Protein backbone atom coordinates (compact mmCIF):
# COMPACT_ATOMS: atom_id res chain seq x y z
CA MET A 1 98.61 91.85 90.43
CA ALA A 2 98.45 90.75 86.74
CA ILE A 3 96.47 92.03 83.55
CA THR A 4 95.60 88.87 81.65
CA GLU A 5 93.54 90.34 78.68
CA LYS A 6 95.41 91.93 75.96
CA VAL A 7 96.45 95.68 76.19
CA VAL A 8 96.24 97.98 73.50
CA LEU A 9 97.58 101.42 73.27
CA TYR A 10 96.70 104.06 70.33
CA THR A 11 99.30 106.00 70.76
CA TYR A 12 101.27 108.97 68.54
CA TRP A 13 105.05 109.06 69.58
CA ARG A 14 104.71 112.87 70.22
CA SER A 15 101.99 113.38 71.86
CA SER A 16 102.49 113.93 75.59
CA SER A 17 99.11 112.54 76.80
CA ALA A 18 100.53 108.97 75.53
CA PHE A 19 103.64 109.56 76.48
CA ARG A 20 102.69 109.51 80.20
CA VAL A 21 100.49 106.14 79.92
CA ARG A 22 103.60 104.80 77.91
CA ILE A 23 105.71 105.79 80.91
CA ALA A 24 102.91 104.34 83.52
CA LEU A 25 102.74 101.15 81.55
CA ALA A 26 106.50 100.86 80.94
CA HIS A 27 106.81 101.51 85.07
CA LYS A 28 104.29 98.93 86.19
CA LYS A 29 105.54 96.16 83.04
CA ILE A 30 102.44 95.96 81.80
CA ALA A 31 103.16 94.34 78.35
CA TYR A 32 101.06 96.37 75.19
CA GLU A 33 100.44 96.32 71.74
CA PRO A 34 100.92 100.11 69.98
CA VAL A 35 98.60 101.08 67.35
CA TYR A 36 100.07 104.14 66.08
CA VAL A 37 97.73 107.15 65.50
CA ASN A 38 99.10 109.63 63.13
CA LEU A 39 98.46 113.20 64.01
CA LEU A 40 100.00 114.91 61.66
CA GLU A 41 97.62 112.72 59.05
CA GLU A 42 94.77 113.86 61.28
CA ALA A 43 94.14 109.78 61.89
CA GLN A 44 92.64 110.95 65.42
CA LYS A 45 90.00 112.70 63.42
CA THR A 46 88.65 109.47 61.53
CA PRO A 47 85.47 107.70 62.12
CA GLU A 48 87.34 104.60 62.53
CA TYR A 49 89.07 106.28 64.94
CA ARG A 50 86.51 108.05 66.72
CA ALA A 51 84.86 104.61 67.31
CA HIS A 52 87.60 104.21 69.77
CA ASN A 53 87.78 107.49 71.44
CA PRO A 54 84.54 109.62 70.47
CA ALA A 55 86.49 113.05 71.11
CA GLY A 56 89.54 112.27 68.83
CA TRP A 57 92.36 112.18 71.66
CA ILE A 58 94.95 110.62 72.24
CA PRO A 59 95.75 108.05 74.00
CA THR A 60 93.12 105.12 74.09
CA LEU A 61 93.93 102.20 75.98
CA ALA A 62 92.24 98.69 75.59
CA ILE A 63 92.20 96.08 78.27
CA GLY A 64 90.70 92.97 76.55
CA ALA A 65 87.24 94.30 74.83
CA THR A 66 87.19 97.66 77.33
CA GLU A 67 88.26 101.02 75.68
CA LEU A 68 89.15 103.74 78.18
CA THR A 69 90.39 107.17 77.74
CA GLU A 70 91.72 110.06 79.37
CA SER A 71 95.61 109.84 80.45
CA VAL A 72 94.81 110.55 84.22
CA ALA A 73 91.80 108.19 84.46
CA LEU A 74 94.42 105.84 82.91
CA VAL A 75 97.34 105.64 84.79
CA GLU A 76 95.09 105.85 87.91
CA LEU A 77 93.22 102.56 86.52
CA LEU A 78 96.79 101.17 86.17
CA GLU A 79 97.48 101.79 89.85
CA GLU A 80 94.45 100.14 90.63
CA LEU A 81 94.80 97.36 88.60
CA VAL A 82 98.74 96.43 88.96
CA PRO A 83 99.29 98.48 92.57
CA GLU A 84 102.88 97.87 92.46
CA PRO A 85 105.44 99.27 91.84
CA ALA A 86 103.09 102.38 92.72
CA LEU A 87 102.83 105.30 91.25
CA TYR A 88 100.53 107.13 94.13
CA PRO A 89 101.86 107.17 97.64
CA LYS A 90 99.44 105.36 100.24
CA SER A 91 98.78 108.59 102.33
CA PRO A 92 95.76 110.30 101.31
CA ILE A 93 97.79 113.85 102.10
CA ASP A 94 100.72 112.47 99.99
CA ARG A 95 98.36 111.24 96.90
CA ALA A 96 96.81 114.28 96.68
CA ARG A 97 99.94 116.23 96.48
CA VAL A 98 100.82 113.88 93.34
CA ARG A 99 97.48 114.61 92.16
CA ALA A 100 97.93 118.68 92.17
CA LEU A 101 101.19 118.28 90.33
CA VAL A 102 99.35 115.66 87.96
CA GLU A 103 96.80 118.47 87.49
CA THR A 104 99.10 121.58 87.43
CA VAL A 105 100.35 119.52 83.95
CA ASN A 106 97.17 117.99 82.73
CA ALA A 107 94.44 120.95 83.22
CA GLY A 108 97.07 123.80 83.57
CA THR A 109 99.25 123.22 81.33
CA GLN A 110 99.51 120.51 78.38
CA PRO A 111 96.12 122.13 77.15
CA MET A 112 97.06 125.34 76.35
CA GLN A 113 99.63 124.63 73.94
CA ASN A 114 97.89 121.89 72.39
CA LEU A 115 97.68 122.09 68.57
CA ALA A 116 94.16 122.95 68.36
CA VAL A 117 94.16 125.81 71.20
CA LEU A 118 97.51 126.86 69.35
CA LYS A 119 95.32 127.30 65.87
CA LYS A 120 92.77 129.49 67.32
CA ALA A 121 95.54 131.58 69.72
CA SER A 122 97.04 132.80 66.43
CA GLU A 123 97.18 132.56 62.66
CA GLU A 124 100.75 133.33 62.83
CA GLN A 125 103.54 130.88 63.88
CA GLU A 126 105.64 133.17 65.83
CA GLY A 127 102.22 133.81 67.96
CA ARG A 128 101.37 130.16 68.59
CA THR A 129 105.14 130.00 69.73
CA ALA A 130 105.03 133.29 72.11
CA TRP A 131 101.72 131.88 73.57
CA ALA A 132 102.70 128.27 74.23
CA LYS A 133 105.76 129.59 75.67
CA HIS A 134 103.77 132.03 78.37
CA PHE A 135 101.56 129.04 79.40
CA ILE A 136 104.50 126.51 79.48
CA ALA A 137 106.63 128.71 81.65
CA ARG A 138 103.79 129.50 83.85
CA GLY A 139 102.59 126.17 84.27
CA LEU A 140 106.26 125.21 85.39
CA ALA A 141 106.57 127.84 87.88
CA THR A 142 103.60 126.43 89.46
CA PHE A 143 104.83 122.73 89.55
CA GLU A 144 108.29 124.70 90.98
CA ALA A 145 106.59 126.36 93.93
CA LEU A 146 104.85 123.08 94.95
CA LEU A 147 107.78 121.79 95.00
CA GLU A 148 109.75 123.91 97.02
CA ARG A 149 106.24 123.87 99.49
CA TYR A 150 106.83 120.07 99.41
CA ALA A 151 110.21 119.83 100.34
CA ALA A 152 110.05 122.74 103.37
CA ALA A 153 107.07 120.00 104.65
CA GLY A 154 110.02 117.26 104.52
CA VAL A 155 109.01 115.59 100.96
CA SER A 156 112.69 114.46 99.99
CA GLY A 157 113.70 113.91 95.77
CA PRO A 158 115.24 113.03 93.66
CA PHE A 159 111.91 112.48 91.91
CA ALA A 160 109.24 115.02 91.36
CA TYR A 161 107.38 113.53 94.49
CA GLY A 162 109.74 111.67 97.14
CA ALA A 163 112.56 108.51 96.50
CA SER A 164 110.74 106.73 93.55
CA LEU A 165 108.94 107.71 90.09
CA SER A 166 105.03 108.60 90.53
CA ALA A 167 102.38 109.71 88.38
CA ALA A 168 103.78 113.27 89.02
CA ASP A 169 107.07 112.25 87.10
CA CYS A 170 104.53 110.72 84.77
CA TYR A 171 102.89 114.03 83.41
CA LEU A 172 105.89 116.34 83.90
CA VAL A 173 108.77 114.51 81.99
CA PRO A 174 106.42 115.25 78.79
CA GLN A 175 105.68 118.48 79.66
CA MET A 176 109.39 118.83 79.70
CA TYR A 177 109.96 117.93 76.26
CA ASN A 178 107.46 120.12 75.26
CA ALA A 179 109.32 122.96 76.97
CA ARG A 180 112.31 122.12 75.20
CA ARG A 181 110.44 122.15 71.49
CA PHE A 182 109.24 125.33 72.22
CA LYS A 183 112.74 126.57 73.84
CA VAL A 184 111.35 127.71 77.19
CA ASP A 185 114.21 128.92 79.28
CA LEU A 186 114.24 126.18 82.20
CA ALA A 187 117.12 128.38 84.18
CA PRO A 188 114.34 129.54 86.67
CA TYR A 189 112.98 125.78 87.63
CA PRO A 190 116.02 123.92 88.96
CA ARG A 191 114.06 121.64 91.54
CA VAL A 192 111.81 120.50 87.93
CA VAL A 193 115.21 120.21 86.16
CA ALA A 194 116.13 117.74 88.70
CA ALA A 195 113.20 115.84 88.73
CA GLU A 196 112.93 115.20 85.13
CA GLN A 197 116.65 114.30 84.68
CA ALA A 198 116.25 111.70 87.97
CA ALA A 199 112.92 110.57 85.94
CA LEU A 200 115.06 110.35 82.57
CA ALA A 201 117.49 108.03 84.27
CA THR A 202 114.89 104.98 85.08
CA PRO A 203 114.42 102.54 82.42
CA ALA A 204 110.73 102.93 82.17
CA VAL A 205 110.89 106.49 81.09
CA GLN A 206 113.72 105.81 78.58
CA ALA A 207 110.89 102.81 77.31
CA ALA A 208 108.47 105.62 76.86
CA LEU A 209 110.55 108.36 75.05
CA PRO A 210 109.44 109.53 71.56
CA GLU A 211 112.20 108.95 70.11
CA ASN A 212 112.58 105.21 70.96
CA GLN A 213 108.78 104.54 69.67
CA GLY A 214 108.02 102.30 66.65
CA ASP A 215 106.62 105.70 64.94
CA ALA A 216 109.23 108.40 65.47
CA LYS A 217 110.12 110.02 63.17
CA PRO A 218 113.49 111.91 62.69
């Protein structure tokens, strides 16, 4: 199945939520036009952008005249529109496990290191960094424990869930990018690091990397 309408992604090179969707688009070989929204200049807060996304978040995905938001909904939509190559397993149990990994990042980790949250957490940069490192480490520990549990149940890598890239990797790789930005010690998470390295070796992830985007800054 192919998408016949024009696809536009409102994105920012360092947005981890946009990064997730870029990986999914690249994995499924869906061509799209990027529209760059500079978060540092707070372009996401303008009335013009909020007309696309009322929350003022990145990303927004437009397929023809239809505009959609929220990375989990977007990745699942792409899976339904273009089922192959798949990002979710066929088995309901396996799909639930992948969704658990997705939500470990999407709901339990990344929001806690979002800039708006960090500004509320502390007025000082040192306090913000400590807050972010704490919650990123907690989230990665959960992800690591889930990978260990799934391995014990017979799921073998090298990716986050099995032998091929999945939605879990779409969320893990951007989170690891942020973990490194905040200088989180990754030694306690060998399964997580191994899965990240497998994903980084794929053309889809390479195409989606922040430094490979048209709006990337040195």
